[in-house]
Amino acid sequence: MSESLHLVCPHCQAVNRLPAARLSKTPNCGQCHHALFNGHPLILNSASFDKHLLRNDIPLLVDFWADWCGPCKMMAPAFAQAAQLLEPRVRLGKVDTEAEQQLSARYNIRSIPSLILFKGGRELARQAGAMGAQDILRWVGSQL
């Protein structure tokens, strides 16, 4: 009997149950038939954040950022590259702290960019400041 994972579709937000062995075989959503992973960070809002946090069985790495933040803009390509390299083992998402101020307050975001790594709905680790793609990969690897 193989282990099953729950994965939230980035397109329709449906929760999919998938055998863990199929995770690396570019799975599609059972409801909307789009790819469950596309190598890009998800744009998360208050509604989608909680669904991805609580219903995904894989870790969630979130970049809390703002459009006016220079270091955030500098780190964006590295975070996108990290998404290509970490998926499907880790889901990556971005939260605009200006648009989602409740989420920023909930997680006590004091400086941006801030990365928070979640697993099983709980915060595992956080890191403030811009990082390169390899630094993000090393940091995530050291936490999981």
N, C-alpha and C. Protein backbone atom coordinates (compact mmCIF):
# COMPACT_ATOMS: atom_id res chain seq x y z
N MET A 1 0.85 -1.19 0.00
CA MET A 1 0.00 0.00 0.00
C MET A 1 0.89 1.24 0.00
N SER A 2 0.71 2.09 -0.97
CA SER A 2 1.56 3.27 -1.06
C SER A 2 0.94 4.44 -0.30
N GLU A 3 1.81 5.30 0.17
CA GLU A 3 1.37 6.49 0.90
C GLU A 3 0.71 7.47 -0.06
N SER A 4 -0.37 8.10 0.39
CA SER A 4 -1.05 9.13 -0.41
C SER A 4 -0.80 10.49 0.19
N LEU A 5 -0.74 11.48 -0.68
CA LEU A 5 -0.56 12.87 -0.27
C LEU A 5 -1.76 13.69 -0.72
N HIS A 6 -2.10 14.70 0.05
CA HIS A 6 -3.11 15.67 -0.35
C HIS A 6 -2.38 16.88 -0.91
N LEU A 7 -2.81 17.32 -2.08
CA LEU A 7 -2.21 18.48 -2.75
C LEU A 7 -3.32 19.40 -3.22
N VAL A 8 -3.17 20.69 -2.92
CA VAL A 8 -4.15 21.68 -3.34
C VAL A 8 -3.78 22.16 -4.74
N CYS A 9 -4.77 22.18 -5.62
CA CYS A 9 -4.54 22.65 -6.99
C CYS A 9 -4.31 24.16 -6.98
N PRO A 10 -3.26 24.65 -7.63
CA PRO A 10 -3.01 26.09 -7.67
C PRO A 10 -4.01 26.84 -8.55
N HIS A 11 -4.79 26.13 -9.34
CA HIS A 11 -5.73 26.77 -10.27
C HIS A 11 -7.14 26.84 -9.71
N CYS A 12 -7.68 25.70 -9.26
CA CYS A 12 -9.08 25.66 -8.81
C CYS A 12 -9.22 25.46 -7.30
N GLN A 13 -8.12 25.27 -6.59
CA GLN A 13 -8.08 25.09 -5.14
C GLN A 13 -8.68 23.76 -4.67
N ALA A 14 -8.95 22.84 -5.60
CA ALA A 14 -9.45 21.52 -5.22
C ALA A 14 -8.34 20.74 -4.52
N VAL A 15 -8.71 19.95 -3.53
CA VAL A 15 -7.75 19.10 -2.84
C VAL A 15 -7.71 17.75 -3.56
N ASN A 16 -6.52 17.38 -4.02
CA ASN A 16 -6.30 16.12 -4.74
C ASN A 16 -5.59 15.13 -3.84
N ARG A 17 -5.98 13.87 -3.93
CA ARG A 17 -5.27 12.80 -3.23
C ARG A 17 -4.45 12.06 -4.27
N LEU A 18 -3.16 11.97 -4.02
CA LEU A 18 -2.23 11.45 -5.01
C LEU A 18 -1.27 10.47 -4.34
N PRO A 19 -1.04 9.30 -4.94
CA PRO A 19 -0.01 8.41 -4.40
C PRO A 19 1.34 9.13 -4.41
N ALA A 20 2.08 9.02 -3.34
CA ALA A 20 3.38 9.72 -3.22
C ALA A 20 4.30 9.36 -4.39
N ALA A 21 4.21 8.15 -4.89
CA ALA A 21 5.06 7.72 -6.00
C ALA A 21 4.79 8.51 -7.28
N ARG A 22 3.60 9.09 -7.41
CA ARG A 22 3.25 9.85 -8.62
C ARG A 22 3.63 11.32 -8.52
N LEU A 23 4.13 11.75 -7.40
CA LEU A 23 4.44 13.15 -7.17
C LEU A 23 5.39 13.71 -8.23
N SER A 24 6.38 12.95 -8.61
CA SER A 24 7.38 13.45 -9.57
C SER A 24 6.99 13.20 -11.03
N LYS A 25 5.80 12.72 -11.28
CA LYS A 25 5.37 12.38 -12.65
C LYS A 25 4.42 13.43 -13.23
N THR A 26 4.63 14.70 -12.92
CA THR A 26 3.82 15.83 -13.39
C THR A 26 2.31 15.56 -13.32
N PRO A 27 1.80 15.39 -12.10
CA PRO A 27 0.37 15.09 -11.92
C PRO A 27 -0.53 16.27 -12.26
N ASN A 28 -1.74 15.96 -12.69
CA ASN A 28 -2.75 16.96 -12.99
C ASN A 28 -3.86 16.90 -11.95
N CYS A 29 -4.58 17.99 -11.82
CA CYS A 29 -5.71 18.08 -10.91
C CYS A 29 -6.85 17.19 -11.42
N GLY A 30 -7.47 16.46 -10.53
CA GLY A 30 -8.59 15.62 -10.90
C GLY A 30 -9.83 16.41 -11.25
N GLN A 31 -9.92 17.66 -10.79
CA GLN A 31 -11.11 18.47 -11.06
C GLN A 31 -10.96 19.33 -12.32
N CYS A 32 -9.91 20.16 -12.38
CA CYS A 32 -9.77 21.09 -13.52
C CYS A 32 -8.78 20.59 -14.58
N HIS A 33 -8.04 19.52 -14.27
CA HIS A 33 -7.09 18.87 -15.18
C HIS A 33 -5.86 19.70 -15.52
N HIS A 34 -5.62 20.81 -14.80
CA HIS A 34 -4.38 21.57 -14.96
C HIS A 34 -3.27 20.90 -14.14
N ALA A 35 -2.04 21.24 -14.46
CA ALA A 35 -0.89 20.69 -13.73
C ALA A 35 -0.91 21.15 -12.27
N LEU A 36 -0.62 20.23 -11.36
CA LEU A 36 -0.55 20.58 -9.94
C LEU A 36 0.72 21.37 -9.62
N PHE A 37 1.72 21.25 -10.47
CA PHE A 37 2.97 22.00 -10.30
C PHE A 37 3.36 22.60 -11.63
N ASN A 38 3.77 23.88 -11.60
CA ASN A 38 4.17 24.54 -12.85
C ASN A 38 5.53 25.23 -12.74
N GLY A 39 6.23 25.02 -11.63
CA GLY A 39 7.55 25.61 -11.48
C GLY A 39 7.55 27.10 -11.19
N HIS A 40 6.39 27.64 -10.78
CA HIS A 40 6.27 29.06 -10.44
C HIS A 40 5.66 29.20 -9.06
N PRO A 41 6.10 30.21 -8.30
CA PRO A 41 5.46 30.45 -7.00
C PRO A 41 4.00 30.86 -7.19
N LEU A 42 3.16 30.44 -6.26
CA LEU A 42 1.74 30.82 -6.28
C LEU A 42 1.58 32.20 -5.66
N ILE A 43 0.63 32.96 -6.16
CA ILE A 43 0.25 34.22 -5.53
C ILE A 43 -0.83 33.85 -4.52
N LEU A 44 -0.55 34.05 -3.25
CA LEU A 44 -1.48 33.64 -2.20
C LEU A 44 -2.18 34.85 -1.60
N ASN A 45 -3.49 34.68 -1.35
CA ASN A 45 -4.26 35.70 -0.63
C ASN A 45 -4.79 35.04 0.65
N SER A 46 -5.58 35.76 1.41
CA SER A 46 -6.06 35.23 2.69
C SER A 46 -6.80 33.91 2.52
N ALA A 47 -7.63 33.80 1.51
CA ALA A 47 -8.41 32.58 1.30
C ALA A 47 -7.54 31.41 0.84
N SER A 48 -6.71 31.63 -0.16
CA SER A 48 -5.90 30.52 -0.68
C SER A 48 -4.76 30.15 0.25
N PHE A 49 -4.26 31.10 1.04
CA PHE A 49 -3.14 30.82 1.95
C PHE A 49 -3.51 29.70 2.92
N ASP A 50 -4.64 29.84 3.59
CA ASP A 50 -5.02 28.84 4.59
C ASP A 50 -5.27 27.48 3.97
N LYS A 51 -5.83 27.45 2.78
CA LYS A 51 -6.08 26.16 2.13
C LYS A 51 -4.76 25.47 1.82
N HIS A 52 -3.80 26.22 1.26
CA HIS A 52 -2.49 25.63 0.95
C HIS A 52 -1.71 25.27 2.21
N LEU A 53 -1.84 26.08 3.23
CA LEU A 53 -1.14 25.82 4.50
C LEU A 53 -1.67 24.56 5.18
N LEU A 54 -2.98 24.43 5.23
CA LEU A 54 -3.58 23.37 6.04
C LEU A 54 -3.89 22.09 5.28
N ARG A 55 -4.03 22.15 3.96
CA ARG A 55 -4.48 20.97 3.21
C ARG A 55 -3.39 20.31 2.37
N ASN A 56 -2.25 20.97 2.18
CA ASN A 56 -1.15 20.35 1.44
C ASN A 56 -0.33 19.47 2.39
N ASP A 57 0.02 18.29 1.94
CA ASP A 57 0.86 17.41 2.75
C ASP A 57 2.35 17.61 2.47
N ILE A 58 2.69 18.54 1.59
CA ILE A 58 4.09 18.87 1.35
C ILE A 58 4.36 20.22 2.02
N PRO A 59 5.63 20.51 2.34
CA PRO A 59 5.95 21.80 2.96
C PRO A 59 5.57 22.97 2.06
N LEU A 60 5.32 24.11 2.69
CA LEU A 60 4.98 25.35 2.00
C LEU A 60 6.01 26.41 2.37
N LEU A 61 6.68 26.97 1.37
CA LEU A 61 7.64 28.05 1.58
C LEU A 61 7.02 29.34 1.06
N VAL A 62 6.88 30.34 1.95
CA VAL A 62 6.19 31.57 1.59
C VAL A 62 7.15 32.75 1.67
N ASP A 63 7.14 33.55 0.60
CA ASP A 63 7.90 34.80 0.53
C ASP A 63 6.92 35.94 0.84
N PHE A 64 7.11 36.61 1.97
CA PHE A 64 6.33 37.80 2.31
C PHE A 64 7.10 38.99 1.74
N TRP A 65 6.46 39.75 0.86
CA TRP A 65 7.15 40.79 0.10
C TRP A 65 6.21 41.98 -0.12
N ALA A 66 6.74 43.05 -0.72
CA ALA A 66 5.93 44.20 -1.12
C ALA A 66 6.52 44.78 -2.41
N ASP A 67 5.68 45.38 -3.20
CA ASP A 67 6.08 45.92 -4.50
C ASP A 67 7.09 47.06 -4.38
N TRP A 68 7.02 47.83 -3.30
CA TRP A 68 7.91 48.97 -3.14
C TRP A 68 9.28 48.58 -2.60
N CYS A 69 9.46 47.32 -2.23
CA CYS A 69 10.68 46.85 -1.56
C CYS A 69 11.74 46.44 -2.59
N GLY A 70 12.85 47.18 -2.64
CA GLY A 70 13.93 46.88 -3.57
C GLY A 70 14.52 45.49 -3.39
N PRO A 71 14.90 45.09 -2.15
CA PRO A 71 15.43 43.73 -1.95
C PRO A 71 14.43 42.64 -2.35
N CYS A 72 13.12 42.91 -2.15
CA CYS A 72 12.09 41.94 -2.55
C CYS A 72 12.12 41.73 -4.06
N LYS A 73 12.22 42.83 -4.79
CA LYS A 73 12.26 42.76 -6.26
C LYS A 73 13.54 42.06 -6.73
N MET A 74 14.64 42.31 -6.01
CA MET A 74 15.91 41.67 -6.38
C MET A 74 15.83 40.15 -6.14
N MET A 75 15.12 39.74 -5.09
CA MET A 75 15.05 38.32 -4.75
C MET A 75 14.02 37.56 -5.58
N ALA A 76 13.07 38.25 -6.20
CA ALA A 76 11.97 37.58 -6.92
C ALA A 76 12.46 36.55 -7.96
N PRO A 77 13.45 36.87 -8.81
CA PRO A 77 13.91 35.86 -9.77
C PRO A 77 14.54 34.64 -9.09
N ALA A 78 15.24 34.85 -7.99
CA ALA A 78 15.85 33.73 -7.26
C ALA A 78 14.77 32.85 -6.63
N PHE A 79 13.70 33.46 -6.13
CA PHE A 79 12.60 32.69 -5.54
C PHE A 79 11.89 31.89 -6.63
N ALA A 80 11.72 32.49 -7.80
CA ALA A 80 11.11 31.79 -8.93
C ALA A 80 11.98 30.61 -9.36
N GLN A 81 13.29 30.81 -9.39
CA GLN A 81 14.21 29.72 -9.74
C GLN A 81 14.14 28.61 -8.70
N ALA A 82 14.04 28.99 -7.43
CA ALA A 82 13.92 28.00 -6.34
C ALA A 82 12.64 27.18 -6.52
N ALA A 83 11.56 27.79 -7.00
CA ALA A 83 10.31 27.06 -7.23
C ALA A 83 10.53 25.96 -8.27
N GLN A 84 11.26 26.28 -9.31
CA GLN A 84 11.54 25.27 -10.35
C GLN A 84 12.33 24.10 -9.79
N LEU A 85 13.22 24.38 -8.84
CA LEU A 85 14.11 23.35 -8.31
C LEU A 85 13.52 22.59 -7.12
N LEU A 86 12.63 23.22 -6.35
CA LEU A 86 12.08 22.58 -5.16
C LEU A 86 10.77 21.81 -5.42
N GLU A 87 10.01 22.25 -6.43
CA GLU A 87 8.78 21.51 -6.72
C GLU A 87 9.15 20.16 -7.33
N PRO A 88 8.42 19.11 -7.04
CA PRO A 88 7.18 19.00 -6.28
C PRO A 88 7.37 18.66 -4.81
N ARG A 89 8.59 18.72 -4.30
CA ARG A 89 8.82 18.37 -2.88
C ARG A 89 8.32 19.47 -1.95
N VAL A 90 8.33 20.72 -2.42
CA VAL A 90 7.92 21.87 -1.62
C VAL A 90 7.06 22.77 -2.51
N ARG A 91 5.97 23.30 -1.97
CA ARG A 91 5.12 24.28 -2.68
C ARG A 91 5.63 25.66 -2.29
N LEU A 92 5.83 26.56 -3.27
CA LEU A 92 6.28 27.91 -2.99
C LEU A 92 5.16 28.90 -3.28
N GLY A 93 5.03 29.89 -2.41
CA GLY A 93 4.01 30.91 -2.58
C GLY A 93 4.54 32.28 -2.19
N LYS A 94 3.83 33.30 -2.68
CA LYS A 94 4.19 34.69 -2.38
C LYS A 94 2.97 35.39 -1.78
N VAL A 95 3.22 36.18 -0.74
CA VAL A 95 2.18 36.98 -0.11
C VAL A 95 2.60 38.45 -0.17
N ASP A 96 1.79 39.26 -0.84
CA ASP A 96 2.02 40.71 -0.92
C ASP A 96 1.57 41.31 0.41
N THR A 97 2.52 41.79 1.20
CA THR A 97 2.21 42.28 2.54
C THR A 97 1.34 43.53 2.53
N GLU A 98 1.34 44.27 1.43
CA GLU A 98 0.49 45.46 1.32
C GLU A 98 -0.96 45.06 1.09
N ALA A 99 -1.17 44.09 0.22
CA ALA A 99 -2.52 43.64 -0.12
C ALA A 99 -3.10 42.70 0.94
N GLU A 100 -2.25 41.99 1.64
CA GLU A 100 -2.69 40.99 2.63
C GLU A 100 -2.14 41.35 4.02
N GLN A 101 -2.55 42.51 4.50
CA GLN A 101 -2.02 42.99 5.77
C GLN A 101 -2.40 42.11 6.96
N GLN A 102 -3.56 41.43 6.87
CA GLN A 102 -3.96 40.54 7.96
C GLN A 102 -3.00 39.36 8.09
N LEU A 103 -2.56 38.82 6.95
CA LEU A 103 -1.60 37.72 6.99
C LEU A 103 -0.26 38.19 7.54
N SER A 104 0.16 39.38 7.14
CA SER A 104 1.42 39.93 7.65
C SER A 104 1.36 40.09 9.16
N ALA A 105 0.24 40.59 9.66
CA ALA A 105 0.08 40.77 11.11
C ALA A 105 0.02 39.41 11.80
N ARG A 106 -0.69 38.46 11.22
CA ARG A 106 -0.85 37.13 11.82
C ARG A 106 0.51 36.45 12.02
N TYR A 107 1.43 36.67 11.10
CA TYR A 107 2.75 36.06 11.20
C TYR A 107 3.83 37.03 11.67
N ASN A 108 3.38 38.18 12.17
CA ASN A 108 4.30 39.14 12.80
C ASN A 108 5.48 39.48 11.88
N ILE A 109 5.16 39.80 10.62
CA ILE A 109 6.20 40.15 9.65
C ILE A 109 6.69 41.57 9.97
N ARG A 110 7.95 41.69 10.31
CA ARG A 110 8.54 42.98 10.68
C ARG A 110 9.50 43.52 9.64
N SER A 111 10.05 42.63 8.82
CA SER A 111 10.95 43.08 7.75
C SER A 111 10.68 42.21 6.53
N ILE A 112 10.89 42.82 5.39
CA ILE A 112 10.69 42.09 4.14
C ILE A 112 11.92 42.26 3.26
N PRO A 113 12.21 41.28 2.42
CA PRO A 113 11.49 40.03 2.30
C PRO A 113 11.72 39.12 3.51
N SER A 114 10.71 38.34 3.83
CA SER A 114 10.80 37.32 4.87
C SER A 114 10.30 36.01 4.30
N LEU A 115 11.07 34.97 4.48
CA LEU A 115 10.67 33.63 4.07
C LEU A 115 10.24 32.86 5.31
N ILE A 116 9.10 32.18 5.20
CA ILE A 116 8.66 31.29 6.28
C ILE A 116 8.40 29.93 5.66
N LEU A 117 8.97 28.90 6.29
CA LEU A 117 8.77 27.53 5.86
C LEU A 117 7.79 26.87 6.81
N PHE A 118 6.71 26.33 6.23
CA PHE A 118 5.67 25.66 7.01
C PHE A 118 5.64 24.18 6.65
N LYS A 119 5.26 23.37 7.62
CA LYS A 119 5.02 21.95 7.37
C LYS A 119 3.92 21.50 8.31
N GLY A 120 2.92 20.83 7.76
CA GLY A 120 1.81 20.36 8.58
C GLY A 120 1.04 21.50 9.23
N GLY A 121 1.00 22.66 8.57
CA GLY A 121 0.27 23.81 9.10
C GLY A 121 1.01 24.61 10.14
N ARG A 122 2.23 24.21 10.46
CA ARG A 122 3.02 24.90 11.49
C ARG A 122 4.29 25.52 10.91
N GLU A 123 4.67 26.62 11.51
CA GLU A 123 5.92 27.27 11.09
C GLU A 123 7.11 26.45 11.56
N LEU A 124 7.99 26.10 10.60
CA LEU A 124 9.22 25.38 10.94
C LEU A 124 10.37 26.36 11.15
N ALA A 125 10.46 27.35 10.26
CA ALA A 125 11.60 28.28 10.31
C ALA A 125 11.26 29.54 9.54
N ARG A 126 11.99 30.60 9.85
CA ARG A 126 11.85 31.84 9.08
C ARG A 126 13.20 32.48 8.90
N GLN A 127 13.29 33.25 7.80
CA GLN A 127 14.54 33.91 7.44
C GLN A 127 14.18 35.27 6.83
N ALA A 128 14.76 36.33 7.38
CA ALA A 128 14.53 37.67 6.83
C ALA A 128 15.71 38.06 5.95
N GLY A 129 15.41 38.83 4.91
CA GLY A 129 16.46 39.34 4.03
C GLY A 129 16.50 38.61 2.70
N ALA A 130 16.99 39.30 1.69
CA ALA A 130 17.07 38.74 0.34
C ALA A 130 18.11 37.63 0.28
N MET A 131 17.78 36.60 -0.49
CA MET A 131 18.68 35.46 -0.66
C MET A 131 18.72 35.08 -2.14
N GLY A 132 19.82 34.49 -2.54
CA GLY A 132 19.93 33.94 -3.89
C GLY A 132 19.28 32.56 -3.94
N ALA A 133 19.08 32.04 -5.13
CA ALA A 133 18.41 30.75 -5.30
C ALA A 133 19.14 29.63 -4.57
N GLN A 134 20.45 29.57 -4.69
CA GLN A 134 21.20 28.51 -4.02
C GLN A 134 21.12 28.64 -2.50
N ASP A 135 21.10 29.88 -2.00
CA ASP A 135 20.95 30.10 -0.56
C ASP A 135 19.58 29.62 -0.08
N ILE A 136 18.54 29.89 -0.88
CA ILE A 136 17.19 29.44 -0.54
C ILE A 136 17.17 27.91 -0.49
N LEU A 137 17.76 27.26 -1.49
CA LEU A 137 17.79 25.80 -1.53
C LEU A 137 18.53 25.22 -0.33
N ARG A 138 19.67 25.80 0.01
CA ARG A 138 20.44 25.33 1.16
C ARG A 138 19.66 25.50 2.45
N TRP A 139 19.03 26.69 2.61
CA TRP A 139 18.29 26.98 3.82
C TRP A 139 17.11 26.00 3.97
N VAL A 140 16.33 25.81 2.91
CA VAL A 140 15.20 24.87 2.97
C VAL A 140 15.70 23.47 3.27
N GLY A 141 16.76 23.06 2.58
CA GLY A 141 17.33 21.72 2.82
C GLY A 141 17.78 21.52 4.25
N SER A 142 18.30 22.56 4.87
CA SER A 142 18.76 22.42 6.26
C SER A 142 17.60 22.37 7.26
N GLN A 143 16.42 22.81 6.83
CA GLN A 143 15.26 22.83 7.73
C GLN A 143 14.40 21.58 7.62
N LEU A 144 14.47 20.90 6.48
CA LEU A 144 13.60 19.72 6.27
C LEU A 144 14.33 18.41 6.53
